[in-house]
Amino acid sequence: MKTVLIIGVGQFGSHIARRMEELRCEVMAVDENEKHINDILPYVTNARIGDSTNEEFMSSLGVRNFDVCIVAIGDNFQSSLETASPLKEA
């Protein structure tokens, strides 16, 4: 079973999370918006509210333990870059 980390569960990220759940993947969703997290909870294994640009927060997720990490932050390009760069290094 694949493990997937989805960072940003707005419209695009939540669609990916639902599809991954259909494919029987274990999905962790991360978003700063509590409403987005509450909406996606029925479809994911785990969810966390937090700032993906915060290195301590990201370290607490254990990103190296996931098979796939998807950055689906669509409304803030800078945050998307600040999230993707450390993920690539990990």
N, C-alpha and C. Protein backbone atom coordinates (compact mmCIF):
# COMPACT_ATOMS: atom_id res chain seq x y z
N MET A 1 0.84 -1.17 0.00
CA MET A 1 0.00 0.00 0.00
C MET A 1 0.89 1.25 0.00
N LYS A 2 0.63 2.16 -0.91
CA LYS A 2 1.40 3.39 -1.02
C LYS A 2 0.95 4.39 0.04
N THR A 3 1.91 5.16 0.53
CA THR A 3 1.60 6.24 1.46
C THR A 3 1.83 7.56 0.74
N VAL A 4 0.86 8.46 0.87
CA VAL A 4 0.88 9.71 0.13
C VAL A 4 0.69 10.88 1.09
N LEU A 5 1.54 11.88 0.95
CA LEU A 5 1.41 13.13 1.71
C LEU A 5 0.94 14.20 0.74
N ILE A 6 -0.20 14.81 1.04
CA ILE A 6 -0.72 15.88 0.19
C ILE A 6 -0.71 17.17 1.00
N ILE A 7 0.03 18.13 0.51
CA ILE A 7 0.16 19.42 1.18
C ILE A 7 -0.66 20.44 0.42
N GLY A 8 -1.73 20.88 1.04
CA GLY A 8 -2.68 21.79 0.41
C GLY A 8 -3.88 21.01 -0.07
N VAL A 9 -5.00 21.13 0.63
CA VAL A 9 -6.19 20.35 0.25
C VAL A 9 -7.36 21.28 -0.07
N GLY A 10 -7.07 22.23 -0.94
CA GLY A 10 -8.14 23.05 -1.52
C GLY A 10 -8.83 22.21 -2.58
N GLN A 11 -9.28 22.83 -3.64
CA GLN A 11 -10.01 22.12 -4.68
C GLN A 11 -9.16 21.02 -5.34
N PHE A 12 -7.95 21.35 -5.77
CA PHE A 12 -7.09 20.38 -6.44
C PHE A 12 -6.59 19.30 -5.47
N GLY A 13 -6.06 19.71 -4.32
CA GLY A 13 -5.53 18.76 -3.36
C GLY A 13 -6.57 17.80 -2.83
N SER A 14 -7.79 18.29 -2.60
CA SER A 14 -8.84 17.41 -2.10
C SER A 14 -9.26 16.40 -3.17
N HIS A 15 -9.23 16.82 -4.43
CA HIS A 15 -9.53 15.88 -5.52
C HIS A 15 -8.50 14.75 -5.56
N ILE A 16 -7.23 15.12 -5.43
CA ILE A 16 -6.17 14.12 -5.42
C ILE A 16 -6.33 13.18 -4.21
N ALA A 17 -6.63 13.75 -3.05
CA ALA A 17 -6.80 12.94 -1.83
C ALA A 17 -7.92 11.92 -2.00
N ARG A 18 -9.03 12.36 -2.57
CA ARG A 18 -10.16 11.43 -2.78
C ARG A 18 -9.78 10.32 -3.77
N ARG A 19 -9.07 10.68 -4.81
CA ARG A 19 -8.66 9.68 -5.80
C ARG A 19 -7.67 8.69 -5.20
N MET A 20 -6.74 9.18 -4.42
CA MET A 20 -5.77 8.29 -3.77
C MET A 20 -6.48 7.33 -2.81
N GLU A 21 -7.49 7.83 -2.13
CA GLU A 21 -8.26 6.97 -1.22
C GLU A 21 -8.98 5.88 -2.01
N GLU A 22 -9.52 6.23 -3.19
CA GLU A 22 -10.17 5.25 -4.06
C GLU A 22 -9.18 4.17 -4.50
N LEU A 23 -7.92 4.57 -4.67
CA LEU A 23 -6.87 3.64 -5.08
C LEU A 23 -6.27 2.89 -3.89
N ARG A 24 -6.88 3.05 -2.72
CA ARG A 24 -6.50 2.36 -1.49
C ARG A 24 -5.12 2.75 -0.98
N CYS A 25 -4.79 4.02 -1.13
CA CYS A 25 -3.54 4.54 -0.57
C CYS A 25 -3.81 5.09 0.82
N GLU A 26 -2.77 5.08 1.65
CA GLU A 26 -2.86 5.76 2.93
C GLU A 26 -2.48 7.21 2.67
N VAL A 27 -3.37 8.13 3.03
CA VAL A 27 -3.19 9.53 2.69
C VAL A 27 -3.13 10.38 3.95
N MET A 28 -2.11 11.24 4.02
CA MET A 28 -2.06 12.28 5.05
C MET A 28 -2.24 13.60 4.34
N ALA A 29 -3.18 14.41 4.85
CA ALA A 29 -3.45 15.72 4.29
C ALA A 29 -2.94 16.80 5.24
N VAL A 30 -2.36 17.84 4.67
CA VAL A 30 -1.85 18.97 5.46
C VAL A 30 -2.36 20.26 4.83
N ASP A 31 -2.87 21.14 5.67
CA ASP A 31 -3.32 22.45 5.21
C ASP A 31 -3.34 23.41 6.38
N GLU A 32 -3.21 24.69 6.10
CA GLU A 32 -3.32 25.71 7.15
C GLU A 32 -4.77 26.00 7.51
N ASN A 33 -5.66 25.72 6.59
CA ASN A 33 -7.07 26.04 6.75
C ASN A 33 -7.82 24.89 7.42
N GLU A 34 -8.34 25.15 8.61
CA GLU A 34 -9.03 24.11 9.37
C GLU A 34 -10.26 23.58 8.63
N LYS A 35 -10.97 24.45 7.92
CA LYS A 35 -12.15 24.02 7.17
C LYS A 35 -11.78 23.01 6.10
N HIS A 36 -10.67 23.25 5.39
CA HIS A 36 -10.23 22.30 4.36
C HIS A 36 -9.92 20.95 4.98
N ILE A 37 -9.27 20.96 6.14
CA ILE A 37 -8.95 19.71 6.82
C ILE A 37 -10.21 18.99 7.25
N ASN A 38 -11.16 19.71 7.83
CA ASN A 38 -12.41 19.08 8.27
C ASN A 38 -13.18 18.48 7.10
N ASP A 39 -13.15 19.15 5.94
CA ASP A 39 -13.85 18.65 4.76
C ASP A 39 -13.23 17.37 4.21
N ILE A 40 -11.92 17.22 4.34
CA ILE A 40 -11.24 16.06 3.74
C ILE A 40 -11.09 14.88 4.71
N LEU A 41 -11.35 15.09 5.98
CA LEU A 41 -11.16 14.04 6.98
C LEU A 41 -11.79 12.69 6.64
N PRO A 42 -13.00 12.64 6.09
CA PRO A 42 -13.57 11.32 5.78
C PRO A 42 -12.82 10.52 4.73
N TYR A 43 -11.94 11.18 3.98
CA TYR A 43 -11.27 10.52 2.86
C TYR A 43 -9.80 10.22 3.09
N VAL A 44 -9.25 10.64 4.22
CA VAL A 44 -7.82 10.46 4.46
C VAL A 44 -7.58 9.65 5.73
N THR A 45 -6.39 9.09 5.81
CA THR A 45 -5.99 8.31 6.98
C THR A 45 -5.66 9.22 8.15
N ASN A 46 -5.03 10.36 7.84
CA ASN A 46 -4.58 11.29 8.86
C ASN A 46 -4.58 12.69 8.27
N ALA A 47 -4.73 13.69 9.13
CA ALA A 47 -4.71 15.07 8.65
C ALA A 47 -4.11 15.96 9.73
N ARG A 48 -3.41 17.00 9.30
CA ARG A 48 -2.78 17.94 10.23
C ARG A 48 -3.01 19.36 9.74
N ILE A 49 -3.25 20.25 10.68
CA ILE A 49 -3.34 21.67 10.38
C ILE A 49 -1.98 22.26 10.69
N GLY A 50 -1.39 22.95 9.72
CA GLY A 50 -0.09 23.55 9.97
C GLY A 50 0.46 24.27 8.77
N ASP A 51 1.55 24.97 9.00
CA ASP A 51 2.24 25.77 7.98
C ASP A 51 3.33 24.93 7.34
N SER A 52 3.16 24.61 6.08
CA SER A 52 4.13 23.75 5.39
C SER A 52 5.46 24.45 5.12
N THR A 53 5.53 25.76 5.31
CA THR A 53 6.81 26.45 5.14
C THR A 53 7.64 26.44 6.42
N ASN A 54 7.06 25.91 7.49
CA ASN A 54 7.76 25.81 8.77
C ASN A 54 8.52 24.49 8.82
N GLU A 55 9.84 24.57 8.87
CA GLU A 55 10.67 23.36 8.81
C GLU A 55 10.42 22.41 9.98
N GLU A 56 10.20 22.95 11.17
CA GLU A 56 9.93 22.09 12.34
C GLU A 56 8.63 21.32 12.16
N PHE A 57 7.61 22.01 11.65
CA PHE A 57 6.33 21.34 11.41
C PHE A 57 6.50 20.22 10.39
N MET A 58 7.20 20.52 9.30
CA MET A 58 7.39 19.51 8.26
C MET A 58 8.21 18.33 8.77
N SER A 59 9.20 18.59 9.59
CA SER A 59 9.99 17.50 10.17
C SER A 59 9.14 16.60 11.05
N SER A 60 8.17 17.20 11.72
CA SER A 60 7.30 16.42 12.61
C SER A 60 6.39 15.46 11.84
N LEU A 61 6.23 15.69 10.55
CA LEU A 61 5.38 14.81 9.73
C LEU A 61 6.08 13.53 9.31
N GLY A 62 7.40 13.53 9.35
CA GLY A 62 8.15 12.37 8.89
C GLY A 62 8.05 12.19 7.39
N VAL A 63 8.32 13.25 6.64
CA VAL A 63 8.14 13.22 5.19
C VAL A 63 8.94 12.11 4.50
N ARG A 64 10.02 11.69 5.10
CA ARG A 64 10.83 10.62 4.48
C ARG A 64 10.13 9.26 4.50
N ASN A 65 9.08 9.14 5.30
CA ASN A 65 8.36 7.88 5.41
C ASN A 65 7.27 7.71 4.36
N PHE A 66 7.04 8.73 3.54
CA PHE A 66 5.99 8.67 2.52
C PHE A 66 6.57 8.25 1.19
N ASP A 67 5.79 7.47 0.44
CA ASP A 67 6.21 7.06 -0.90
C ASP A 67 6.12 8.23 -1.88
N VAL A 68 5.09 9.07 -1.70
CA VAL A 68 4.85 10.19 -2.61
C VAL A 68 4.45 11.41 -1.80
N CYS A 69 5.00 12.56 -2.17
CA CYS A 69 4.60 13.84 -1.56
C CYS A 69 4.13 14.75 -2.68
N ILE A 70 2.93 15.29 -2.51
CA ILE A 70 2.35 16.17 -3.53
C ILE A 70 2.11 17.53 -2.90
N VAL A 71 2.66 18.56 -3.52
CA VAL A 71 2.43 19.93 -3.08
C VAL A 71 1.33 20.50 -3.97
N ALA A 72 0.18 20.76 -3.38
CA ALA A 72 -0.99 21.25 -4.12
C ALA A 72 -1.42 22.61 -3.61
N ILE A 73 -0.44 23.45 -3.33
CA ILE A 73 -0.73 24.81 -2.86
C ILE A 73 -0.91 25.67 -4.11
N GLY A 74 -2.13 26.13 -4.33
CA GLY A 74 -2.39 26.86 -5.56
C GLY A 74 -2.51 28.36 -5.42
N ASP A 75 -2.74 28.85 -4.23
CA ASP A 75 -3.02 30.27 -4.08
C ASP A 75 -1.80 31.10 -3.69
N ASN A 76 -0.67 30.47 -3.41
CA ASN A 76 0.51 31.21 -2.98
C ASN A 76 1.75 30.52 -3.55
N PHE A 77 2.24 31.06 -4.67
CA PHE A 77 3.38 30.44 -5.35
C PHE A 77 4.62 30.40 -4.47
N GLN A 78 4.85 31.45 -3.70
CA GLN A 78 6.02 31.50 -2.81
C GLN A 78 5.96 30.37 -1.79
N SER A 79 4.80 30.15 -1.17
CA SER A 79 4.65 29.06 -0.20
C SER A 79 4.87 27.71 -0.85
N SER A 80 4.40 27.59 -2.09
CA SER A 80 4.59 26.33 -2.82
C SER A 80 6.08 26.04 -3.01
N LEU A 81 6.84 27.06 -3.39
CA LEU A 81 8.29 26.89 -3.56
C LEU A 81 8.98 26.60 -2.24
N GLU A 82 8.60 27.32 -1.19
CA GLU A 82 9.22 27.14 0.12
C GLU A 82 8.89 25.77 0.71
N THR A 83 7.82 25.16 0.25
CA THR A 83 7.45 23.81 0.71
C THR A 83 8.16 22.76 -0.11
N ALA A 84 8.18 22.94 -1.42
CA ALA A 84 8.74 21.91 -2.32
C ALA A 84 10.25 21.77 -2.19
N SER A 85 10.95 22.86 -1.97
CA SER A 85 12.40 22.80 -1.91
C SER A 85 12.92 21.89 -0.80
N PRO A 86 12.47 22.06 0.46
CA PRO A 86 12.94 21.14 1.51
C PRO A 86 12.47 19.69 1.29
N LEU A 87 11.31 19.52 0.67
CA LEU A 87 10.84 18.16 0.38
C LEU A 87 11.78 17.47 -0.60
N LYS A 88 12.23 18.21 -1.57
CA LYS A 88 13.16 17.64 -2.56
C LYS A 88 14.45 17.20 -1.88
N GLU A 89 14.93 17.99 -0.94
CA GLU A 89 16.15 17.65 -0.22
C GLU A 89 15.97 16.42 0.66
N ALA A 90 14.77 16.28 1.22
CA ALA A 90 14.50 15.14 2.10
C ALA A 90 14.35 13.89 1.28
